[in-house]
Amino acid sequence: MIITIITIMDCIIRMLALVIYVATTQKSEDNVINVINTARLILLAGIVLVLLITIIAIVPAGHVGVLNTFGVVSEYELQSGLHFKLPWQEVVLFSIKTNELKETADTPSDEGLTVTLEVSILYRIDGTKAGEIFKTVGTNYEQVIIEPTFRSIVRGVTAEYDAKSLYTSQREIVASKITDQLRPKLKERGILIESVLLRSVTLPTQVRNSIERKLVADQEAQQMDFVLAKEQK
């Protein structure tokens, strides 16, 4: 907004300078008066325009606004649309759309192995809690609230499973358990978790190769059992 006001003032000054230049080149008194009146209108229009910019706040769709008056935060949130405010008041915007936070975490498994998880956290802000978030945390709530809480929970959850389970059949269960534990902790802070998606699990190379060899061996054994059972029929 400050940049917009500066731009408008710059245009007004340029226009006034042009009007003054024209006035100094006029020989007729009537023309000089007309030029002066024009300058007054330009100045008045500029003042009105700047005033309108400072007292009007637009909250875009999918956002809420928090009204900040010299550090005093209003008790209510501004919904999307046009709002009037005092020139010295600031409107801080918070998106209430679904956001994706991508996290990479190195966590221990049940055997003490380090497992790297790549996770997507889908969340949104509770529009009725935006003012409280701004007062207690600020606008960097991802770094202050979501990321530390997620890392703490994911370490506790993965420690309950061995590396093979995390790498194969238990991935959806792990993601569901992380979601169930993360949701209530962040809800009380005004952040609503929609889901946690476990995009990939990376194990130490030797462990991964061992698991993959065992999976191949299990599949071959199952196939052999199927063939033998079919031949016996």
Foldseek 3Di string as FASTA:
>chain_A
DVVVLVVLVVVLVVVLVVLVVVLVPDPDPVVNVVSVVVNVVSVVVSVVVSQCVLFKDAAAPQKWWWKAAPNDTDLFIHHGGIGTHHSRIDIDIFGQDWDKDWDWAFAAALVRFTKIWIKIWIKGFQNNCVRVCCNPPNDPCCVVPVVVLLRVLLNVLRNDHHPLCCQPVCVVVSQVSSQVVSQVVCVVNGMGTDGMGGPHMDGPPVVVVVSVVVVVVVVVVVVVVVVVVVVVD
